[in-house]
Structure formats: C-alpha cells, structure tokens
Amino acid sequence: EQHDETITPFARQLGWRPPAAEACLI
C-alpha cells in the first residue's frame, strides 16, 4: 500500500495516511 490521496482519499475519509513509499517486509 502506497498512499496517493488523489486515488484513495484515506486522509479525507479516515484521517489516516499510509506512507507514500514503503516496501514489503517479505
């Protein structure tokens, strides 16, 4: 999951923002 508010409005709808860039731990 990489956050892009223009695609999925997590911040607006949930007040939460996943990181914009992360890698899988596996």
PDB file of all heavy atoms in Angstrom:
ATOM      1  N   GLU A   1       0.848  -1.187   0.000  1.00  0.00           N
ATOM      2  CA  GLU A   1       0.000   0.000   0.000  1.00  0.00           C
ATOM      3  C   GLU A   1       0.885   1.240   0.000  1.00  0.00           C
ATOM      4  O   GLU A   1       1.728   1.402   0.879  1.00  0.00           O
ATOM      5  CB  GLU A   1      -0.898   0.004   1.238  1.00  0.00           C
ATOM      6  CG  GLU A   1      -1.726   1.259   1.390  1.00  0.00           C
ATOM      7  CD  GLU A   1      -2.731   1.457   0.260  1.00  0.00           C
ATOM      8  OE1 GLU A   1      -3.396   0.482  -0.118  1.00  0.00           O
ATOM      9  OE2 GLU A   1      -2.835   2.591  -0.226  1.00  0.00           O
ATOM     10  N   GLN A   2       0.709   2.079  -1.004  1.00  0.00           N
ATOM     11  CA  GLN A   2       1.420   3.358  -1.057  1.00  0.00           C
ATOM     12  C   GLN A   2       0.379   4.453  -1.228  1.00  0.00           C
ATOM     13  O   GLN A   2      -0.449   4.388  -2.133  1.00  0.00           O
ATOM     14  CB  GLN A   2       2.451   3.367  -2.172  1.00  0.00           C
ATOM     15  CG  GLN A   2       3.575   2.392  -1.872  1.00  0.00           C
ATOM     16  CD  GLN A   2       4.735   2.487  -2.834  1.00  0.00           C
ATOM     17  OE1 GLN A   2       4.709   3.215  -3.804  1.00  0.00           O
ATOM     18  NE2 GLN A   2       5.773   1.736  -2.542  1.00  0.00           N
ATOM     19  N   HIS A   3       0.431   5.436  -0.373  1.00  0.00           N
ATOM     20  CA  HIS A   3      -0.622   6.441  -0.339  1.00  0.00           C
ATOM     21  C   HIS A   3      -0.554   7.439  -1.485  1.00  0.00           C
ATOM     22  O   HIS A   3       0.501   7.986  -1.794  1.00  0.00           O
ATOM     23  CB  HIS A   3      -0.568   7.200   0.982  1.00  0.00           C
ATOM     24  CG  HIS A   3      -1.679   8.192   1.124  1.00  0.00           C
ATOM     25  ND1 HIS A   3      -3.001   7.820   1.083  1.00  0.00           N
ATOM     26  CD2 HIS A   3      -1.668   9.529   1.271  1.00  0.00           C
ATOM     27  CE1 HIS A   3      -3.750   8.903   1.221  1.00  0.00           C
ATOM     28  NE2 HIS A   3      -2.971   9.949   1.326  1.00  0.00           N
ATOM     29  N   ASP A   4      -1.706   7.640  -2.108  1.00  0.00           N
ATOM     30  CA  ASP A   4      -1.884   8.706  -3.090  1.00  0.00           C
ATOM     31  C   ASP A   4      -3.304   9.230  -2.860  1.00  0.00           C
ATOM     32  O   ASP A   4      -4.281   8.597  -3.261  1.00  0.00           O
ATOM     33  CB  ASP A   4      -1.720   8.184  -4.516  1.00  0.00           C
ATOM     34  CG  ASP A   4      -1.835   9.290  -5.564  1.00  0.00           C
ATOM     35  OD1 ASP A   4      -2.472  10.334  -5.282  1.00  0.00           O
ATOM     36  OD2 ASP A   4      -1.293   9.099  -6.661  1.00  0.00           O
ATOM     37  N   GLU A   5      -3.393  10.339  -2.188  1.00  0.00           N
ATOM     38  CA  GLU A   5      -4.694  10.894  -1.792  1.00  0.00           C
ATOM     39  C   GLU A   5      -5.600  11.169  -2.996  1.00  0.00           C
ATOM     40  O   GLU A   5      -6.816  11.120  -2.884  1.00  0.00           O
ATOM     41  CB  GLU A   5      -4.490  12.176  -0.974  1.00  0.00           C
ATOM     42  CG  GLU A   5      -5.741  12.738  -0.330  1.00  0.00           C
ATOM     43  CD  GLU A   5      -6.291  11.909   0.834  1.00  0.00           C
ATOM     44  OE1 GLU A   5      -5.572  11.007   1.334  1.00  0.00           O
ATOM     45  OE2 GLU A   5      -7.426  12.162   1.250  1.00  0.00           O
ATOM     46  N   THR A   6      -4.993  11.404  -4.175  1.00  0.00           N
ATOM     47  CA  THR A   6      -5.807  11.666  -5.366  1.00  0.00           C
ATOM     48  C   THR A   6      -6.479  10.397  -5.883  1.00  0.00           C
ATOM     49  O   THR A   6      -7.459  10.466  -6.617  1.00  0.00           O
ATOM     50  CB  THR A   6      -4.974  12.286  -6.515  1.00  0.00           C
ATOM     51  OG1 THR A   6      -3.999  11.333  -6.956  1.00  0.00           O
ATOM     52  CG2 THR A   6      -4.293  13.567  -6.069  1.00  0.00           C
ATOM     53  N   ILE A   7      -5.960   9.226  -5.507  1.00  0.00           N
ATOM     54  CA  ILE A   7      -6.550   7.958  -5.938  1.00  0.00           C
ATOM     55  C   ILE A   7      -7.462   7.402  -4.850  1.00  0.00           C
ATOM     56  O   ILE A   7      -8.597   7.002  -5.122  1.00  0.00           O
ATOM     57  CB  ILE A   7      -5.448   6.929  -6.297  1.00  0.00           C
ATOM     58  CG1 ILE A   7      -4.604   7.464  -7.466  1.00  0.00           C
ATOM     59  CG2 ILE A   7      -6.065   5.578  -6.647  1.00  0.00           C
ATOM     60  CD1 ILE A   7      -3.394   6.626  -7.788  1.00  0.00           C
ATOM     61  N   THR A   8      -6.961   7.342  -3.626  1.00  0.00           N
ATOM     62  CA  THR A   8      -7.745   6.845  -2.492  1.00  0.00           C
ATOM     63  C   THR A   8      -7.659   7.871  -1.372  1.00  0.00           C
ATOM     64  O   THR A   8      -6.589   8.059  -0.793  1.00  0.00           O
ATOM     65  CB  THR A   8      -7.208   5.482  -2.002  1.00  0.00           C
ATOM     66  OG1 THR A   8      -7.196   4.579  -3.113  1.00  0.00           O
ATOM     67  CG2 THR A   8      -8.091   4.912  -0.911  1.00  0.00           C
ATOM     68  N   PRO A   9      -8.775   8.553  -1.062  1.00  0.00           N
ATOM     69  CA  PRO A   9      -8.758   9.651  -0.084  1.00  0.00           C
ATOM     70  C   PRO A   9      -8.775   9.181   1.377  1.00  0.00           C
ATOM     71  O   PRO A   9      -9.688   9.492   2.134  1.00  0.00           O
ATOM     72  CB  PRO A   9     -10.025  10.442  -0.447  1.00  0.00           C
ATOM     73  CG  PRO A   9     -10.944   9.423  -1.022  1.00  0.00           C
ATOM     74  CD  PRO A   9     -10.070   8.426  -1.728  1.00  0.00           C
ATOM     75  N   PHE A  10      -7.735   8.443   1.768  1.00  0.00           N
ATOM     76  CA  PHE A  10      -7.657   7.955   3.148  1.00  0.00           C
ATOM     77  C   PHE A  10      -7.661   9.104   4.150  1.00  0.00           C
ATOM     78  O   PHE A  10      -8.343   9.054   5.165  1.00  0.00           O
ATOM     79  CB  PHE A  10      -6.394   7.116   3.373  1.00  0.00           C
ATOM     80  CG  PHE A  10      -6.473   5.707   2.888  1.00  0.00           C
ATOM     81  CD1 PHE A  10      -5.535   5.208   2.001  1.00  0.00           C
ATOM     82  CD2 PHE A  10      -7.469   4.859   3.343  1.00  0.00           C
ATOM     83  CE1 PHE A  10      -5.588   3.899   1.564  1.00  0.00           C
ATOM     84  CE2 PHE A  10      -7.520   3.544   2.915  1.00  0.00           C
ATOM     85  CZ  PHE A  10      -6.579   3.063   2.019  1.00  0.00           C
ATOM     86  N   ALA A  11      -6.876  10.126   3.892  1.00  0.00           N
ATOM     87  CA  ALA A  11      -6.775  11.235   4.847  1.00  0.00           C
ATOM     88  C   ALA A  11      -8.130  11.929   5.015  1.00  0.00           C
ATOM     89  O   ALA A  11      -8.570  12.191   6.136  1.00  0.00           O
ATOM     90  CB  ALA A  11      -5.707  12.231   4.410  1.00  0.00           C
ATOM     91  N   ARG A  12      -8.793  12.189   3.902  1.00  0.00           N
ATOM     92  CA  ARG A  12     -10.081  12.882   3.964  1.00  0.00           C
ATOM     93  C   ARG A  12     -11.154  12.012   4.629  1.00  0.00           C
ATOM     94  O   ARG A  12     -11.932  12.492   5.439  1.00  0.00           O
ATOM     95  CB  ARG A  12     -10.543  13.279   2.557  1.00  0.00           C
ATOM     96  CG  ARG A  12     -11.887  14.035   2.567  1.00  0.00           C
ATOM     97  CD  ARG A  12     -12.317  14.500   1.193  1.00  0.00           C
ATOM     98  NE  ARG A  12     -12.530  13.448   0.216  1.00  0.00           N
ATOM     99  CZ  ARG A  12     -13.633  12.679   0.171  1.00  0.00           C
ATOM    100  NH1 ARG A  12     -14.588  12.804   1.053  1.00  0.00           N
ATOM    101  NH2 ARG A  12     -13.746  11.762  -0.776  1.00  0.00           N
ATOM    102  N   GLN A  13     -11.181  10.733   4.292  1.00  0.00           N
ATOM    103  CA  GLN A  13     -12.254   9.869   4.784  1.00  0.00           C
ATOM    104  C   GLN A  13     -11.970   9.236   6.140  1.00  0.00           C
ATOM    105  O   GLN A  13     -12.890   8.999   6.916  1.00  0.00           O
ATOM    106  CB  GLN A  13     -12.560   8.761   3.759  1.00  0.00           C
ATOM    107  CG  GLN A  13     -13.091   9.312   2.450  1.00  0.00           C
ATOM    108  CD  GLN A  13     -13.606   8.223   1.545  1.00  0.00           C
ATOM    109  OE1 GLN A  13     -14.777   7.902   1.576  1.00  0.00           O
ATOM    110  NE2 GLN A  13     -12.714   7.642   0.752  1.00  0.00           N
ATOM    111  N   LEU A  14     -10.699   8.926   6.411  1.00  0.00           N
ATOM    112  CA  LEU A  14     -10.362   8.196   7.643  1.00  0.00           C
ATOM    113  C   LEU A  14      -9.447   8.975   8.578  1.00  0.00           C
ATOM    114  O   LEU A  14      -9.166   8.518   9.683  1.00  0.00           O
ATOM    115  CB  LEU A  14      -9.688   6.857   7.296  1.00  0.00           C
ATOM    116  CG  LEU A  14     -10.489   5.902   6.408  1.00  0.00           C
ATOM    117  CD1 LEU A  14      -9.652   4.670   6.097  1.00  0.00           C
ATOM    118  CD2 LEU A  14     -11.793   5.493   7.084  1.00  0.00           C
ATOM    119  N   GLY A  15      -8.936  10.116   8.124  1.00  0.00           N
ATOM    120  CA  GLY A  15      -7.989  10.865   8.944  1.00  0.00           C
ATOM    121  C   GLY A  15      -6.677  10.120   9.123  1.00  0.00           C
ATOM    122  O   GLY A  15      -5.951  10.312  10.098  1.00  0.00           O
ATOM    123  N   TRP A  16      -6.359   9.244   8.181  1.00  0.00           N
ATOM    124  CA  TRP A  16      -5.165   8.390   8.269  1.00  0.00           C
ATOM    125  C   TRP A  16      -4.456   8.422   6.931  1.00  0.00           C
ATOM    126  O   TRP A  16      -5.104   8.500   5.880  1.00  0.00           O
ATOM    127  CB  TRP A  16      -5.596   6.965   8.619  1.00  0.00           C
ATOM    128  CG  TRP A  16      -4.495   5.959   8.592  1.00  0.00           C
ATOM    129  CD1 TRP A  16      -3.515   5.799   9.530  1.00  0.00           C
ATOM    130  CD2 TRP A  16      -4.262   4.968   7.595  1.00  0.00           C
ATOM    131  NE1 TRP A  16      -2.691   4.768   9.164  1.00  0.00           N
ATOM    132  CE2 TRP A  16      -3.133   4.239   7.979  1.00  0.00           C
ATOM    133  CE3 TRP A  16      -4.904   4.630   6.405  1.00  0.00           C
ATOM    134  CZ2 TRP A  16      -2.618   3.197   7.233  1.00  0.00           C
ATOM    135  CZ3 TRP A  16      -4.394   3.590   5.661  1.00  0.00           C
ATOM    136  CH2 TRP A  16      -3.264   2.878   6.075  1.00  0.00           C
ATOM    137  N   ARG A  17      -3.145   8.371   6.980  1.00  0.00           N
ATOM    138  CA  ARG A  17      -2.365   8.476   5.756  1.00  0.00           C
ATOM    139  C   ARG A  17      -1.256   7.434   5.790  1.00  0.00           C
ATOM    140  O   ARG A  17      -0.291   7.583   6.534  1.00  0.00           O
ATOM    141  CB  ARG A  17      -1.787   9.886   5.705  1.00  0.00           C
ATOM    142  CG  ARG A  17      -1.120  10.288   4.437  1.00  0.00           C
ATOM    143  CD  ARG A  17      -0.563  11.700   4.566  1.00  0.00           C
ATOM    144  NE  ARG A  17      -1.572  12.657   4.989  1.00  0.00           N
ATOM    145  CZ  ARG A  17      -2.261  13.449   4.174  1.00  0.00           C
ATOM    146  NH1 ARG A  17      -2.045  13.396   2.891  1.00  0.00           N
ATOM    147  NH2 ARG A  17      -3.145  14.311   4.658  1.00  0.00           N
ATOM    148  N   PRO A  18      -1.401   6.372   4.988  1.00  0.00           N
ATOM    149  CA  PRO A  18      -0.290   5.408   4.928  1.00  0.00           C
ATOM    150  C   PRO A  18       0.915   6.056   4.246  1.00  0.00           C
ATOM    151  O   PRO A  18       0.764   7.093   3.587  1.00  0.00           O
ATOM    152  CB  PRO A  18      -0.841   4.259   4.088  1.00  0.00           C
ATOM    153  CG  PRO A  18      -2.014   4.800   3.365  1.00  0.00           C
ATOM    154  CD  PRO A  18      -2.516   5.983   4.122  1.00  0.00           C
ATOM    155  N   PRO A  19       2.099   5.497   4.405  1.00  0.00           N
ATOM    156  CA  PRO A  19       3.291   6.080   3.780  1.00  0.00           C
ATOM    157  C   PRO A  19       3.165   6.126   2.255  1.00  0.00           C
ATOM    158  O   PRO A  19       2.506   5.284   1.651  1.00  0.00           O
ATOM    159  CB  PRO A  19       4.411   5.129   4.190  1.00  0.00           C
ATOM    160  CG  PRO A  19       3.903   4.442   5.412  1.00  0.00           C
ATOM    161  CD  PRO A  19       2.415   4.334   5.219  1.00  0.00           C
ATOM    162  N   ALA A  20       3.825   7.107   1.658  1.00  0.00           N
ATOM    163  CA  ALA A  20       3.802   7.244   0.201  1.00  0.00           C
ATOM    164  C   ALA A  20       4.752   6.247  -0.464  1.00  0.00           C
ATOM    165  O   ALA A  20       4.592   5.932  -1.630  1.00  0.00           O
ATOM    166  CB  ALA A  20       4.164   8.660  -0.196  1.00  0.00           C
ATOM    167  N   ALA A  21       5.732   5.766   0.278  1.00  0.00           N
ATOM    168  CA  ALA A  21       6.691   4.821  -0.299  1.00  0.00           C
ATOM    169  C   ALA A  21       7.175   3.853   0.776  1.00  0.00           C
ATOM    170  O   ALA A  21       7.839   4.254   1.720  1.00  0.00           O
ATOM    171  CB  ALA A  21       7.867   5.559  -0.899  1.00  0.00           C
ATOM    172  N   GLU A  22       6.804   2.611   0.625  1.00  0.00           N
ATOM    173  CA  GLU A  22       7.286   1.543   1.513  1.00  0.00           C
ATOM    174  C   GLU A  22       7.517   0.297   0.682  1.00  0.00           C
ATOM    175  O   GLU A  22       7.002   0.186  -0.430  1.00  0.00           O
ATOM    176  CB  GLU A  22       6.248   1.218   2.607  1.00  0.00           C
ATOM    177  CG  GLU A  22       6.437   2.031   3.836  1.00  0.00           C
ATOM    178  CD  GLU A  22       5.708   1.464   5.050  1.00  0.00           C
ATOM    179  OE1 GLU A  22       4.691   0.766   4.916  1.00  0.00           O
ATOM    180  OE2 GLU A  22       6.182   1.742   6.144  1.00  0.00           O
ATOM    181  N   ALA A  23       8.254  -0.633   1.245  1.00  0.00           N
ATOM    182  CA  ALA A  23       8.499  -1.908   0.586  1.00  0.00           C
ATOM    183  C   ALA A  23       7.948  -3.032   1.454  1.00  0.00           C
ATOM    184  O   ALA A  23       7.800  -2.878   2.663  1.00  0.00           O
ATOM    185  CB  ALA A  23       9.994  -2.107   0.367  1.00  0.00           C
ATOM    186  N   CYS A  24       7.675  -4.154   0.817  1.00  0.00           N
ATOM    187  CA  CYS A  24       7.212  -5.334   1.542  1.00  0.00           C
ATOM    188  C   CYS A  24       8.331  -5.853   2.447  1.00  0.00           C
ATOM    189  O   CYS A  24       9.513  -5.791   2.095  1.00  0.00           O
ATOM    190  CB  CYS A  24       6.804  -6.411   0.531  1.00  0.00           C
ATOM    191  SG  CYS A  24       6.105  -7.891   1.288  1.00  0.00           S
ATOM    192  N   LEU A  25       7.951  -6.364   3.610  1.00  0.00           N
ATOM    193  CA  LEU A  25       8.915  -6.953   4.546  1.00  0.00           C
ATOM    194  C   LEU A  25       9.325  -8.367   4.128  1.00  0.00           C
ATOM    195  O   LEU A  25      10.224  -8.957   4.724  1.00  0.00           O
ATOM    196  CB  LEU A  25       8.313  -6.992   5.955  1.00  0.00           C
ATOM    197  CG  LEU A  25       8.061  -5.637   6.605  1.00  0.00           C
ATOM    198  CD1 LEU A  25       7.240  -5.802   7.878  1.00  0.00           C
ATOM    199  CD2 LEU A  25       9.378  -4.927   6.891  1.00  0.00           C
ATOM    200  N   ILE A  26       8.657  -8.915   3.118  1.00  0.00           N
ATOM    201  CA  ILE A  26       8.912 -10.275   2.633  1.00  0.00           C
ATOM    202  C   ILE A  26       9.557 -10.177   1.256  1.00  0.00           C
ATOM    203  O   ILE A  26       9.108  -9.413   0.409  1.00  0.00           O
ATOM    204  CB  ILE A  26       7.581 -11.066   2.483  1.00  0.00           C
ATOM    205  CG1 ILE A  26       6.716 -10.984   3.728  1.00  0.00           C
ATOM    206  CG2 ILE A  26       7.852 -12.502   2.057  1.00  0.00           C
ATOM    207  CD1 ILE A  26       7.241 -11.680   4.940  1.00  0.00           C
TER     208      ILE A  26
END
